[in-house]
Every structure is written in structure tokens, then in C-alpha cells.
Amino acid sequence: MSPTIRPRRLRRTPALRRLVAETRIHPSQLILPMFVADGIAEARPIGSMPGVVQHTIDSASHAVEEAIEAGIGGVMLFGVPRDEDKDATGSAGIDPDGILNRATAALDERFGDDTVIQTDLCLDEFTDHGHCGVLDEWGGIDNDETLERYAEMAIAQVDAGSAMVGLSGMMDGQVAFVRDALDDAGYEDAAILAYAAKYASALYGPFREAVGSSLQGDRRTYQQDPANAREGVREAALDEAEGADVLMVKPASFYLDVLRDVADEAQVPVWAYQVSGEYAMVEAAAANGWIDRERAIAESVTSIVRAGADAVLTYWAVELARSLR
């Protein structure tokens, strides 16, 4: 007997497949992470991330202009200071003349009404030990002292023009502490993106080249154990209760289960970060002719949105947005 139920009917043509697609991506759901470096005269390629560069403020301005023309939702800025400007407490991240705050001010002045300028709020790029917080006398992370630095950094970034600060350090109580500091400074309208479920992943390797990381040791005492899913949901719930405006799951592709669980529970937008290692794996495989690059890019981001992400930070944001349009 021939089957009467034939799901393939709706796969027969490209037009039918488009019509019944369950997951759709709009360029405005994409956010471009960008690295802005001090002490360089022109954009500098990042070897482990083909096609991605450390920007000067001038080249970053051109890149943001392209991003706006492509219709993406915003940009996330990371500062890359000179080695001589790093210290034990990450002072260059708080200094108004530090590279991240200078870049933020320049880009906000030119594009602040046209896109969402977001800034990474963490100390790791600015410390000489490469950790996301201030060290105690035994070499561990002093959680509560670190919160004081985060509060200063948040105010400096919003002073410079950041519309949304991305708390990525995974310190306990960081959202509530920074929210109170911003409100006390008169910045009630500044938004907080909480990297709520951020895992101690092997996928951050190329990022550490991108920011010139000075990391000594690892971050497993504050970033989450990859074995734990419920913990990610708990962290997200705590950050939402503390006042986070948006929650983040990071990395994306290895943690789609966590992303789905967080999205099911959250009452605020949930984003995901397709990190440097995810980008590098696709680019490397494509360079060897092992996969179809464009299809892999689209499929990877679609899977993240399908799992529950309202927006995705991806280094392919502009390229993908152009293909979608």
C-alpha cells in the first residue's frame, strides 16, 4: 500500500521549503564581536581566525559602518591593550583613555543612534595574569574585590557611550552589584547583558590570540564545568533575578541543550555566543575542502536560533546578514 501521509510533499521545491521553514533568521538578530587594539597603525589579521582582525579605531569605524549597512543588530567591542598597560587589577579597562573606552566613545559618537554599541565588561584582557578578576594573596580570584572593579569598569564604559555592558566574568553577584552601581551613578537606562551560563570551554583558544591574553593557569574555579547543565539554568535564573536585561549562553554549539533549557525558563531575551573556536573549526574544515563553508555557516547559526536564542553573537554576522538579505 502507498503511504497517504507524505511529509516529503513540503520538501519538494525550494519555494515550499522556504514557506514552511520553522526557524527563520533576520539580520537584526546577529551581533558582531569586534577587537580594537592599542598601538597598531592598521588592522592586524588574527592567525587562528581567518578573516577576523584586530582593528584600529579607524578600521573599526569602517567595519561598524558595513555592519549597519548589512542590517545587523549591534556590535560587541573587546579592547586589546598594549602589554605594558596591563597590571594586576586591569586598570586600563577602567581608564577613560584606555583603548576600549576610547573606541567606545568614538564609535558611539558616530553610530550611537544607528546601532547598539555593546562592550565586554571583564578584566581578563587588561590583567597581566590574564584572569577575569583580582587575585587574592594565594593566587585565587577574590570575588568581592573583583565586583568593585567591575562596577568601576561599568561606569567607565557607560560614560564612554556603551548602551549595554556585557558582564562576562562569572563572578557571584556581579549583575546585582553592577546594576546598583549604574543606578547610583544615574545610569538607570544602561542595559546589562549577563553571560549567565559561560562554560570553561576548549573553544576559546583563538579568542586568546585575538585579545593577546596573558592567562596563567585556567578559569575553572569561576567558569562552569562543561558536565553541568542544571547549573547553567540556575546561574541564568540568578542573573535574571538580580536584574539582567539579557541572558547569554556561551559557547553556543556544544551547549544547545543548556540554551534550550535557559530559553524555556527565562522571562528576558536569551542570546548565545558562537565563539572563536566554533568559527575556527568551520573555517579550517572549509579551507581543506572538507565541508561547504556557506552551508555550514548558515546551518550552525540556524541551529542556535532553533535551540532558543533570540540573537546570536557571531563573527560571520555581516557575511550572513548579507546572504539573508
C-alpha atoms as a PDB file:
ATOM      1  CA  MET A   1       0.000   0.000   0.000  1.00  0.00           C
ATOM      2  CA  SER A   2       1.215   3.522  -0.767  1.00  0.00           C
ATOM      3  CA  PRO A   3       1.566   5.888   2.227  1.00  0.00           C
ATOM      4  CA  THR A   4      -1.076   8.606   2.480  1.00  0.00           C
ATOM      5  CA  ILE A   5       0.984  10.712   4.877  1.00  0.00           C
ATOM      6  CA  ARG A   6       3.933  12.052   2.891  1.00  0.00           C
ATOM      7  CA  PRO A   7       5.979  14.719   4.725  1.00  0.00           C
ATOM      8  CA  ARG A   8       8.193  14.972   1.646  1.00  0.00           C
ATOM      9  CA  ARG A   9       5.438  16.914  -0.127  1.00  0.00           C
ATOM     10  CA  LEU A  10       6.554  20.030   1.729  1.00  0.00           C
ATOM     11  CA  ARG A  11      10.235  19.497   0.824  1.00  0.00           C
ATOM     12  CA  ARG A  12       9.672  19.184  -2.909  1.00  0.00           C
ATOM     13  CA  THR A  13      10.815  22.654  -4.043  1.00  0.00           C
ATOM     14  CA  PRO A  14      12.937  25.481  -2.599  1.00  0.00           C
ATOM     15  CA  ALA A  15       9.836  27.682  -2.516  1.00  0.00           C
ATOM     16  CA  LEU A  16       7.890  25.131  -0.448  1.00  0.00           C
ATOM     17  CA  ARG A  17      10.815  24.636   1.917  1.00  0.00           C
ATOM     18  CA  ARG A  18      11.052  28.385   2.462  1.00  0.00           C
ATOM     19  CA  LEU A  19       7.324  28.633   3.061  1.00  0.00           C
ATOM     20  CA  VAL A  20       7.206  26.026   5.829  1.00  0.00           C
ATOM     21  CA  ALA A  21      10.566  26.751   7.499  1.00  0.00           C
ATOM     22  CA  GLU A  22      10.116  26.605  11.271  1.00  0.00           C
ATOM     23  CA  THR A  23      13.196  28.675  12.112  1.00  0.00           C
ATOM     24  CA  ARG A  24      13.937  31.992  10.432  1.00  0.00           C
ATOM     25  CA  ILE A  25      16.848  34.334  10.982  1.00  0.00           C
ATOM     26  CA  HIS A  26      16.722  38.076  10.435  1.00  0.00           C
ATOM     27  CA  PRO A  27      19.891  40.184  10.163  1.00  0.00           C
ATOM     28  CA  SER A  28      18.803  42.172  13.223  1.00  0.00           C
ATOM     29  CA  GLN A  29      19.274  39.006  15.313  1.00  0.00           C
ATOM     30  CA  LEU A  30      23.017  38.983  14.583  1.00  0.00           C
ATOM     31  CA  ILE A  31      25.685  40.783  16.618  1.00  0.00           C
ATOM     32  CA  LEU A  32      29.294  41.220  15.515  1.00  0.00           C
ATOM     33  CA  PRO A  33      32.086  40.792  18.079  1.00  0.00           C
ATOM     34  CA  MET A  34      34.992  43.149  17.303  1.00  0.00           C
ATOM     35  CA  PHE A  35      38.529  43.545  18.663  1.00  0.00           C
ATOM     36  CA  VAL A  36      40.038  47.025  18.905  1.00  0.00           C
ATOM     37  CA  ALA A  37      43.760  47.110  19.671  1.00  0.00           C
ATOM     38  CA  ASP A  38      46.029  49.834  21.019  1.00  0.00           C
ATOM     39  CA  GLY A  39      49.390  50.627  19.476  1.00  0.00           C
ATOM     40  CA  ILE A  40      48.779  49.376  15.926  1.00  0.00           C
ATOM     41  CA  ALA A  41      48.761  51.516  12.796  1.00  0.00           C
ATOM     42  CA  GLU A  42      46.478  49.322  10.687  1.00  0.00           C
ATOM     43  CA  ALA A  43      44.154  46.375  11.120  1.00  0.00           C
ATOM     44  CA  ARG A  44      46.088  43.227  12.064  1.00  0.00           C
ATOM     45  CA  PRO A  45      44.914  39.741  10.991  1.00  0.00           C
ATOM     46  CA  ILE A  46      44.333  37.088  13.664  1.00  0.00           C
ATOM     47  CA  GLY A  47      46.058  33.910  12.502  1.00  0.00           C
ATOM     48  CA  SER A  48      43.693  31.404  14.110  1.00  0.00           C
ATOM     49  CA  MET A  49      40.579  33.263  12.935  1.00  0.00           C
ATOM     50  CA  PRO A  50      40.896  33.772   9.161  1.00  0.00           C
ATOM     51  CA  GLY A  51      39.032  36.876   8.068  1.00  0.00           C
ATOM     52  CA  VAL A  52      38.927  38.424  11.571  1.00  0.00           C
ATOM     53  CA  VAL A  53      41.276  41.242  12.588  1.00  0.00           C
ATOM     54  CA  GLN A  54      42.358  43.370  15.479  1.00  0.00           C
ATOM     55  CA  HIS A  55      41.053  46.793  14.483  1.00  0.00           C
ATOM     56  CA  THR A  56      42.368  50.279  14.872  1.00  0.00           C
ATOM     57  CA  ILE A  57      39.673  52.726  15.915  1.00  0.00           C
ATOM     58  CA  ASP A  58      39.563  53.956  12.320  1.00  0.00           C
ATOM     59  CA  SER A  59      39.191  50.497  10.773  1.00  0.00           C
ATOM     60  CA  ALA A  60      36.617  49.601  13.436  1.00  0.00           C
ATOM     61  CA  SER A  61      34.616  52.610  12.324  1.00  0.00           C
ATOM     62  CA  HIS A  62      34.568  51.331   8.754  1.00  0.00           C
ATOM     63  CA  ALA A  63      33.583  47.853   9.974  1.00  0.00           C
ATOM     64  CA  VAL A  64      30.687  49.216  12.033  1.00  0.00           C
ATOM     65  CA  GLU A  65      29.500  51.196   9.030  1.00  0.00           C
ATOM     66  CA  GLU A  66      29.454  47.978   6.985  1.00  0.00           C
ATOM     67  CA  ALA A  67      27.616  46.197   9.799  1.00  0.00           C
ATOM     68  CA  ILE A  68      24.918  48.856   9.875  1.00  0.00           C
ATOM     69  CA  GLU A  69      24.529  48.700   6.097  1.00  0.00           C
ATOM     70  CA  ALA A  70      24.107  44.909   6.384  1.00  0.00           C
ATOM     71  CA  GLY A  71      21.306  45.428   8.901  1.00  0.00           C
ATOM     72  CA  ILE A  72      22.741  43.549  11.870  1.00  0.00           C
ATOM     73  CA  GLY A  73      21.546  44.298  15.372  1.00  0.00           C
ATOM     74  CA  GLY A  74      24.704  45.559  17.028  1.00  0.00           C
ATOM     75  CA  VAL A  75      28.392  45.153  17.773  1.00  0.00           C
ATOM     76  CA  MET A  76      30.240  43.868  20.850  1.00  0.00           C
ATOM     77  CA  LEU A  77      33.589  45.571  21.475  1.00  0.00           C
ATOM     78  CA  PHE A  78      36.631  43.969  23.083  1.00  0.00           C
ATOM     79  CA  GLY A  79      39.688  46.042  23.963  1.00  0.00           C
ATOM     80  CA  VAL A  80      43.237  44.822  23.333  1.00  0.00           C
ATOM     81  CA  PRO A  81      45.693  46.953  25.337  1.00  0.00           C
ATOM     82  CA  ARG A  82      49.447  47.057  24.924  1.00  0.00           C
ATOM     83  CA  ASP A  83      51.306  44.616  27.152  1.00  0.00           C
ATOM     84  CA  GLU A  84      52.931  47.460  29.049  1.00  0.00           C
ATOM     85  CA  ASP A  85      49.486  48.799  30.014  1.00  0.00           C
ATOM     86  CA  LYS A  86      48.405  45.587  31.729  1.00  0.00           C
ATOM     87  CA  ASP A  87      48.601  45.279  35.503  1.00  0.00           C
ATOM     88  CA  ALA A  88      47.325  43.076  38.307  1.00  0.00           C
ATOM     89  CA  THR A  89      43.960  44.846  38.615  1.00  0.00           C
ATOM     90  CA  GLY A  90      43.189  45.652  34.971  1.00  0.00           C
ATOM     91  CA  SER A  91      43.417  49.421  35.366  1.00  0.00           C
ATOM     92  CA  ALA A  92      43.474  50.024  31.610  1.00  0.00           C
ATOM     93  CA  GLY A  93      39.914  48.718  31.414  1.00  0.00           C
ATOM     94  CA  ILE A  94      38.718  51.449  33.764  1.00  0.00           C
ATOM     95  CA  ASP A  95      40.859  54.306  32.433  1.00  0.00           C
ATOM     96  CA  PRO A  96      38.774  56.654  30.222  1.00  0.00           C
ATOM     97  CA  ASP A  97      41.812  56.814  27.932  1.00  0.00           C
ATOM     98  CA  GLY A  98      42.111  53.021  27.739  1.00  0.00           C
ATOM     99  CA  ILE A  99      41.633  51.504  24.311  1.00  0.00           C
ATOM    100  CA  LEU A 100      38.183  50.027  24.930  1.00  0.00           C
ATOM    101  CA  ASN A 101      36.714  53.220  26.330  1.00  0.00           C
ATOM    102  CA  ARG A 102      38.312  55.377  23.631  1.00  0.00           C
ATOM    103  CA  ALA A 103      36.960  53.098  20.908  1.00  0.00           C
ATOM    104  CA  THR A 104      33.519  53.049  22.508  1.00  0.00           C
ATOM    105  CA  ALA A 105      33.397  56.844  22.662  1.00  0.00           C
ATOM    106  CA  ALA A 106      34.489  57.212  19.032  1.00  0.00           C
ATOM    107  CA  LEU A 107      32.021  54.663  17.721  1.00  0.00           C
ATOM    108  CA  ASP A 108      29.159  55.915  19.867  1.00  0.00           C
ATOM    109  CA  GLU A 109      29.707  59.473  18.682  1.00  0.00           C
ATOM    110  CA  ARG A 110      29.439  58.384  15.048  1.00  0.00           C
ATOM    111  CA  PHE A 111      26.981  55.471  15.179  1.00  0.00           C
ATOM    112  CA  GLY A 112      25.239  55.526  18.545  1.00  0.00           C
ATOM    113  CA  ASP A 113      21.830  56.308  17.030  1.00  0.00           C
ATOM    114  CA  ASP A 114      22.165  53.698  14.283  1.00  0.00           C
ATOM    115  CA  THR A 115      23.165  50.522  16.100  1.00  0.00           C
ATOM    116  CA  VAL A 116      23.634  49.088  19.591  1.00  0.00           C
ATOM    117  CA  ILE A 117      27.195  49.626  20.820  1.00  0.00           C
ATOM    118  CA  GLN A 118      27.911  46.933  23.413  1.00  0.00           C
ATOM    119  CA  THR A 119      31.078  46.431  25.441  1.00  0.00           C
ATOM    120  CA  ASP A 120      32.667  43.425  27.071  1.00  0.00           C
ATOM    121  CA  LEU A 121      32.941  44.033  30.797  1.00  0.00           C
ATOM    122  CA  CYS A 122      35.706  41.820  32.091  1.00  0.00           C
ATOM    123  CA  LEU A 123      39.241  42.256  33.343  1.00  0.00           C
ATOM    124  CA  ASP A 124      40.973  39.409  31.524  1.00  0.00           C
ATOM    125  CA  GLU A 125      42.165  41.450  28.537  1.00  0.00           C
ATOM    126  CA  PHE A 126      43.637  44.056  30.880  1.00  0.00           C
ATOM    127  CA  THR A 127      45.336  42.000  33.593  1.00  0.00           C
ATOM    128  CA  ASP A 128      48.946  40.843  33.430  1.00  0.00           C
ATOM    129  CA  HIS A 129      47.884  37.422  34.748  1.00  0.00           C
ATOM    130  CA  GLY A 130      45.003  37.084  32.258  1.00  0.00           C
ATOM    131  CA  HIS A 131      42.304  36.221  34.775  1.00  0.00           C
ATOM    132  CA  CYS A 132      38.847  37.773  34.874  1.00  0.00           C
ATOM    133  CA  GLY A 133      39.279  39.160  38.356  1.00  0.00           C
ATOM    134  CA  VAL A 134      41.596  40.465  41.037  1.00  0.00           C
ATOM    135  CA  LEU A 135      43.852  37.850  42.628  1.00  0.00           C
ATOM    136  CA  ASP A 136      44.000  37.274  46.368  1.00  0.00           C
ATOM    137  CA  GLU A 137      47.204  36.593  48.310  1.00  0.00           C
ATOM    138  CA  TRP A 138      47.019  32.876  47.456  1.00  0.00           C
ATOM    139  CA  GLY A 139      46.617  33.413  43.729  1.00  0.00           C
ATOM    140  CA  GLY A 140      42.874  32.698  43.606  1.00  0.00           C
ATOM    141  CA  ILE A 141      40.178  35.080  42.405  1.00  0.00           C
ATOM    142  CA  ASP A 142      38.874  37.470  45.047  1.00  0.00           C
ATOM    143  CA  ASN A 143      35.205  37.522  44.040  1.00  0.00           C
ATOM    144  CA  ASP A 144      34.077  40.527  46.070  1.00  0.00           C
ATOM    145  CA  GLU A 145      37.100  42.706  45.323  1.00  0.00           C
ATOM    146  CA  THR A 146      36.567  41.916  41.655  1.00  0.00           C
ATOM    147  CA  LEU A 147      32.979  43.183  41.874  1.00  0.00           C
ATOM    148  CA  GLU A 148      34.313  46.590  42.917  1.00  0.00           C
ATOM    149  CA  ARG A 149      36.434  46.706  39.775  1.00  0.00           C
ATOM    150  CA  TYR A 150      33.520  45.599  37.613  1.00  0.00           C
ATOM    151  CA  ALA A 151      31.400  48.439  38.988  1.00  0.00           C
ATOM    152  CA  GLU A 152      34.089  50.983  38.127  1.00  0.00           C
ATOM    153  CA  MET A 153      34.500  49.457  34.689  1.00  0.00           C
ATOM    154  CA  ALA A 154      30.753  49.537  34.023  1.00  0.00           C
ATOM    155  CA  ILE A 155      30.528  53.220  34.862  1.00  0.00           C
ATOM    156  CA  ALA A 156      33.556  53.982  32.676  1.00  0.00           C
ATOM    157  CA  GLN A 157      32.057  52.093  29.731  1.00  0.00           C
ATOM    158  CA  VAL A 158      28.653  53.740  30.003  1.00  0.00           C
ATOM    159  CA  ASP A 159      30.362  57.116  30.426  1.00  0.00           C
ATOM    160  CA  ALA A 160      32.075  56.396  27.111  1.00  0.00           C
ATOM    161  CA  GLY A 161      28.776  55.593  25.387  1.00  0.00           C
ATOM    162  CA  SER A 162      28.135  51.876  25.787  1.00  0.00           C
ATOM    163  CA  ALA A 163      24.429  51.072  25.528  1.00  0.00           C
ATOM    164  CA  MET A 164      24.854  47.598  27.007  1.00  0.00           C
ATOM    165  CA  VAL A 165      27.617  46.190  29.200  1.00  0.00           C
ATOM    166  CA  GLY A 166      28.388  42.503  28.780  1.00  0.00           C
ATOM    167  CA  LEU A 167      29.242  41.006  32.161  1.00  0.00           C
ATOM    168  CA  SER A 168      31.357  38.010  31.185  1.00  0.00           C
ATOM    169  CA  GLY A 169      33.486  37.361  34.270  1.00  0.00           C
ATOM    170  CA  MET A 170      31.230  34.790  36.013  1.00  0.00           C
ATOM    171  CA  MET A 171      31.671  36.294  39.468  1.00  0.00           C
ATOM    172  CA  ASP A 172      28.946  35.559  42.009  1.00  0.00           C
ATOM    173  CA  GLY A 173      26.607  38.527  42.458  1.00  0.00           C
ATOM    174  CA  GLN A 174      28.078  40.519  39.576  1.00  0.00           C
ATOM    175  CA  VAL A 175      24.769  41.544  37.994  1.00  0.00           C
ATOM    176  CA  ALA A 176      23.235  42.934  41.185  1.00  0.00           C
ATOM    177  CA  PHE A 177      26.442  44.739  42.134  1.00  0.00           C
ATOM    178  CA  VAL A 178      26.870  46.389  38.735  1.00  0.00           C
ATOM    179  CA  ARG A 179      23.150  47.217  38.471  1.00  0.00           C
ATOM    180  CA  ASP A 180      23.303  49.049  41.806  1.00  0.00           C
ATOM    181  CA  ALA A 181      26.467  50.906  40.775  1.00  0.00           C
ATOM    182  CA  LEU A 182      24.988  52.034  37.472  1.00  0.00           C
ATOM    183  CA  ASP A 183      21.746  53.135  39.090  1.00  0.00           C
ATOM    184  CA  ASP A 184      23.605  55.069  41.796  1.00  0.00           C
ATOM    185  CA  ALA A 185      25.605  56.818  39.058  1.00  0.00           C
ATOM    186  CA  GLY A 186      22.398  57.884  37.291  1.00  0.00           C
ATOM    187  CA  TYR A 187      22.625  55.261  34.541  1.00  0.00           C
ATOM    188  CA  GLU A 188      19.309  53.525  35.126  1.00  0.00           C
ATOM    189  CA  ASP A 189      18.813  53.163  31.361  1.00  0.00           C
ATOM    190  CA  ALA A 190      22.100  51.330  30.727  1.00  0.00           C
ATOM    191  CA  ALA A 191      21.355  47.687  29.933  1.00  0.00           C
ATOM    192  CA  ILE A 192      23.158  44.626  31.313  1.00  0.00           C
ATOM    193  CA  LEU A 193      23.890  41.555  29.215  1.00  0.00           C
ATOM    194  CA  ALA A 194      24.767  38.761  31.645  1.00  0.00           C
ATOM    195  CA  TYR A 195      26.992  35.984  30.371  1.00  0.00           C
ATOM    196  CA  ALA A 196      24.916  33.805  32.643  1.00  0.00           C
ATOM    197  CA  ALA A 197      25.944  30.300  31.579  1.00  0.00           C
ATOM    198  CA  LYS A 198      29.564  30.598  30.500  1.00  0.00           C
ATOM    199  CA  TYR A 199      31.489  27.354  30.398  1.00  0.00           C
ATOM    200  CA  ALA A 200      35.201  26.622  30.855  1.00  0.00           C
ATOM    201  CA  SER A 201      35.463  25.517  27.251  1.00  0.00           C
ATOM    202  CA  ALA A 202      38.275  24.398  24.959  1.00  0.00           C
ATOM    203  CA  LEU A 203      36.667  26.542  22.255  1.00  0.00           C
ATOM    204  CA  TYR A 204      38.149  29.837  23.474  1.00  0.00           C
ATOM    205  CA  GLY A 205      41.665  29.204  22.171  1.00  0.00           C
ATOM    206  CA  PRO A 206      41.603  31.532  19.139  1.00  0.00           C
ATOM    207  CA  PHE A 207      39.985  34.282  21.221  1.00  0.00           C
ATOM    208  CA  ARG A 208      43.009  34.324  23.488  1.00  0.00           C
ATOM    209  CA  GLU A 209      45.183  35.063  20.484  1.00  0.00           C
ATOM    210  CA  ALA A 210      42.705  37.741  19.398  1.00  0.00           C
ATOM    211  CA  VAL A 211      42.962  39.652  22.686  1.00  0.00           C
ATOM    212  CA  GLY A 212      46.642  38.900  23.355  1.00  0.00           C
ATOM    213  CA  SER A 213      45.727  37.055  26.551  1.00  0.00           C
ATOM    214  CA  SER A 214      48.301  36.772  29.332  1.00  0.00           C
ATOM    215  CA  LEU A 215      46.426  33.914  31.002  1.00  0.00           C
ATOM    216  CA  GLN A 216      48.322  31.846  33.532  1.00  0.00           C
ATOM    217  CA  GLY A 217      46.528  28.649  34.571  1.00  0.00           C
ATOM    218  CA  ASP A 218      42.846  28.183  33.767  1.00  0.00           C
ATOM    219  CA  ARG A 219      39.439  29.619  34.705  1.00  0.00           C
ATOM    220  CA  ARG A 220      37.712  26.536  36.045  1.00  0.00           C
ATOM    221  CA  THR A 221      37.100  27.996  39.506  1.00  0.00           C
ATOM    222  CA  TYR A 222      34.697  30.568  38.082  1.00  0.00           C
ATOM    223  CA  GLN A 223      33.594  29.442  34.618  1.00  0.00           C
ATOM    224  CA  GLN A 224      31.225  26.477  34.615  1.00  0.00           C
ATOM    225  CA  ASP A 225      32.067  22.789  34.344  1.00  0.00           C
ATOM    226  CA  PRO A 226      31.078  21.513  30.859  1.00  0.00           C
ATOM    227  CA  ALA A 227      29.499  18.477  32.559  1.00  0.00           C
ATOM    228  CA  ASN A 228      26.814  20.576  34.282  1.00  0.00           C
ATOM    229  CA  ALA A 229      23.592  21.608  32.546  1.00  0.00           C
ATOM    230  CA  ARG A 230      21.295  22.314  35.509  1.00  0.00           C
ATOM    231  CA  GLU A 231      23.934  24.636  36.928  1.00  0.00           C
ATOM    232  CA  GLY A 232      23.695  26.748  33.777  1.00  0.00           C
ATOM    233  CA  VAL A 233      19.950  27.152  34.251  1.00  0.00           C
ATOM    234  CA  ARG A 234      20.491  28.067  37.901  1.00  0.00           C
ATOM    235  CA  GLU A 235      23.106  30.689  37.015  1.00  0.00           C
ATOM    236  CA  ALA A 236      20.776  32.196  34.439  1.00  0.00           C
ATOM    237  CA  ALA A 237      17.887  32.336  36.916  1.00  0.00           C
ATOM    238  CA  LEU A 238      20.096  34.073  39.487  1.00  0.00           C
ATOM    239  CA  ASP A 239      21.228  36.677  36.952  1.00  0.00           C
ATOM    240  CA  GLU A 240      17.676  37.357  35.844  1.00  0.00           C
ATOM    241  CA  ALA A 241      16.605  37.786  39.475  1.00  0.00           C
ATOM    242  CA  GLU A 242      19.498  40.218  40.020  1.00  0.00           C
ATOM    243  CA  GLY A 243      18.289  42.444  37.199  1.00  0.00           C
ATOM    244  CA  ALA A 244      19.927  41.245  33.978  1.00  0.00           C
ATOM    245  CA  ASP A 245      18.193  42.608  30.899  1.00  0.00           C
ATOM    246  CA  VAL A 246      19.519  39.850  28.623  1.00  0.00           C
ATOM    247  CA  LEU A 247      20.978  36.417  29.391  1.00  0.00           C
ATOM    248  CA  MET A 248      23.808  34.767  27.452  1.00  0.00           C
ATOM    249  CA  VAL A 249      24.858  31.142  26.943  1.00  0.00           C
ATOM    250  CA  LYS A 250      28.475  30.701  25.852  1.00  0.00           C
ATOM    251  CA  PRO A 251      29.721  28.789  23.862  1.00  0.00           C
ATOM    252  CA  ALA A 252      26.743  28.008  21.659  1.00  0.00           C
ATOM    253  CA  SER A 253      27.122  24.842  19.585  1.00  0.00           C
ATOM    254  CA  PHE A 254      28.344  22.458  22.325  1.00  0.00           C
ATOM    255  CA  TYR A 255      25.701  23.797  24.750  1.00  0.00           C
ATOM    256  CA  LEU A 256      22.473  23.818  22.747  1.00  0.00           C
ATOM    257  CA  ASP A 257      20.788  21.768  25.473  1.00  0.00           C
ATOM    258  CA  VAL A 258      21.614  24.428  28.056  1.00  0.00           C
ATOM    259  CA  LEU A 259      20.468  27.141  25.679  1.00  0.00           C
ATOM    260  CA  ARG A 260      17.133  25.391  25.201  1.00  0.00           C
ATOM    261  CA  ASP A 261      16.632  24.950  28.945  1.00  0.00           C
ATOM    262  CA  VAL A 262      17.519  28.581  29.704  1.00  0.00           C
ATOM    263  CA  ALA A 263      15.239  29.858  26.925  1.00  0.00           C
ATOM    264  CA  ASP A 264      12.364  27.762  28.264  1.00  0.00           C
ATOM    265  CA  GLU A 265      12.676  29.303  31.732  1.00  0.00           C
ATOM    266  CA  ALA A 266      13.740  32.906  31.097  1.00  0.00           C
ATOM    267  CA  GLN A 267      11.418  35.900  31.027  1.00  0.00           C
ATOM    268  CA  VAL A 268      14.042  38.114  29.347  1.00  0.00           C
ATOM    269  CA  PRO A 269      15.771  37.762  25.957  1.00  0.00           C
ATOM    270  CA  VAL A 270      18.289  34.930  25.673  1.00  0.00           C
ATOM    271  CA  TRP A 271      21.323  35.219  23.403  1.00  0.00           C
ATOM    272  CA  ALA A 272      24.155  32.845  22.547  1.00  0.00           C
ATOM    273  CA  TYR A 273      27.778  33.455  21.574  1.00  0.00           C
ATOM    274  CA  GLN A 274      29.166  31.429  18.679  1.00  0.00           C
ATOM    275  CA  VAL A 275      32.733  31.641  19.945  1.00  0.00           C
ATOM    276  CA  SER A 276      36.129  31.764  18.274  1.00  0.00           C
ATOM    277  CA  GLY A 277      36.708  28.011  18.285  1.00  0.00           C
ATOM    278  CA  GLU A 278      33.362  27.379  16.617  1.00  0.00           C
ATOM    279  CA  TYR A 279      34.313  29.884  13.925  1.00  0.00           C
ATOM    280  CA  ALA A 280      37.831  28.497  13.505  1.00  0.00           C
ATOM    281  CA  MET A 281      36.682  24.880  13.143  1.00  0.00           C
ATOM    282  CA  VAL A 282      34.345  25.708  10.266  1.00  0.00           C
ATOM    283  CA  GLU A 283      36.899  27.944   8.546  1.00  0.00           C
ATOM    284  CA  ALA A 284      39.638  25.321   8.866  1.00  0.00           C
ATOM    285  CA  ALA A 285      37.460  22.497   7.567  1.00  0.00           C
ATOM    286  CA  ALA A 286      36.257  24.649   4.685  1.00  0.00           C
ATOM    287  CA  ALA A 287      39.817  25.682   3.802  1.00  0.00           C
ATOM    288  CA  ASN A 288      40.664  21.993   3.465  1.00  0.00           C
ATOM    289  CA  GLY A 289      37.668  21.369   1.238  1.00  0.00           C
ATOM    290  CA  TRP A 290      36.014  19.076   3.781  1.00  0.00           C
ATOM    291  CA  ILE A 291      32.720  20.981   4.134  1.00  0.00           C
ATOM    292  CA  ASP A 292      30.639  23.512   2.246  1.00  0.00           C
ATOM    293  CA  ARG A 293      31.541  26.731   4.066  1.00  0.00           C
ATOM    294  CA  GLU A 294      28.447  28.818   3.326  1.00  0.00           C
ATOM    295  CA  ARG A 295      26.047  25.994   4.146  1.00  0.00           C
ATOM    296  CA  ALA A 296      27.910  25.220   7.375  1.00  0.00           C
ATOM    297  CA  ILE A 297      27.732  28.855   8.480  1.00  0.00           C
ATOM    298  CA  ALA A 298      24.003  29.100   7.833  1.00  0.00           C
ATOM    299  CA  GLU A 299      23.281  25.711   9.396  1.00  0.00           C
ATOM    300  CA  SER A 300      25.312  26.439  12.526  1.00  0.00           C
ATOM    301  CA  VAL A 301      23.588  29.749  13.242  1.00  0.00           C
ATOM    302  CA  THR A 302      20.176  28.292  12.387  1.00  0.00           C
ATOM    303  CA  SER A 303      20.732  25.531  14.935  1.00  0.00           C
ATOM    304  CA  ILE A 304      21.498  28.122  17.626  1.00  0.00           C
ATOM    305  CA  VAL A 305      18.329  30.072  16.886  1.00  0.00           C
ATOM    306  CA  ARG A 306      16.348  26.828  16.656  1.00  0.00           C
ATOM    307  CA  ALA A 307      17.565  25.912  20.155  1.00  0.00           C
ATOM    308  CA  GLY A 308      16.125  29.120  21.574  1.00  0.00           C
ATOM    309  CA  ALA A 309      18.497  32.042  21.001  1.00  0.00           C
ATOM    310  CA  ASP A 310      16.773  35.353  20.298  1.00  0.00           C
ATOM    311  CA  ALA A 311      20.063  36.734  18.974  1.00  0.00           C
ATOM    312  CA  VAL A 312      23.499  35.326  18.169  1.00  0.00           C
ATOM    313  CA  LEU A 313      26.939  36.839  18.542  1.00  0.00           C
ATOM    314  CA  THR A 314      28.891  35.518  15.585  1.00  0.00           C
ATOM    315  CA  TYR A 315      31.986  36.560  13.666  1.00  0.00           C
ATOM    316  CA  TRP A 316      30.024  35.823  10.490  1.00  0.00           C
ATOM    317  CA  ALA A 317      27.326  38.357  11.373  1.00  0.00           C
ATOM    318  CA  VAL A 318      27.870  40.714   8.447  1.00  0.00           C
ATOM    319  CA  GLU A 319      28.501  37.984   5.881  1.00  0.00           C
ATOM    320  CA  LEU A 320      25.443  36.033   6.968  1.00  0.00           C
ATOM    321  CA  ALA A 321      23.267  39.135   7.100  1.00  0.00           C
ATOM    322  CA  ARG A 322      24.180  39.987   3.527  1.00  0.00           C
ATOM    323  CA  SER A 323      23.306  36.480   2.363  1.00  0.00           C
ATOM    324  CA  LEU A 324      19.965  36.633   4.189  1.00  0.00           C
ATOM    325  CA  ARG A 325      19.083  39.904   2.522  1.00  0.00           C
END
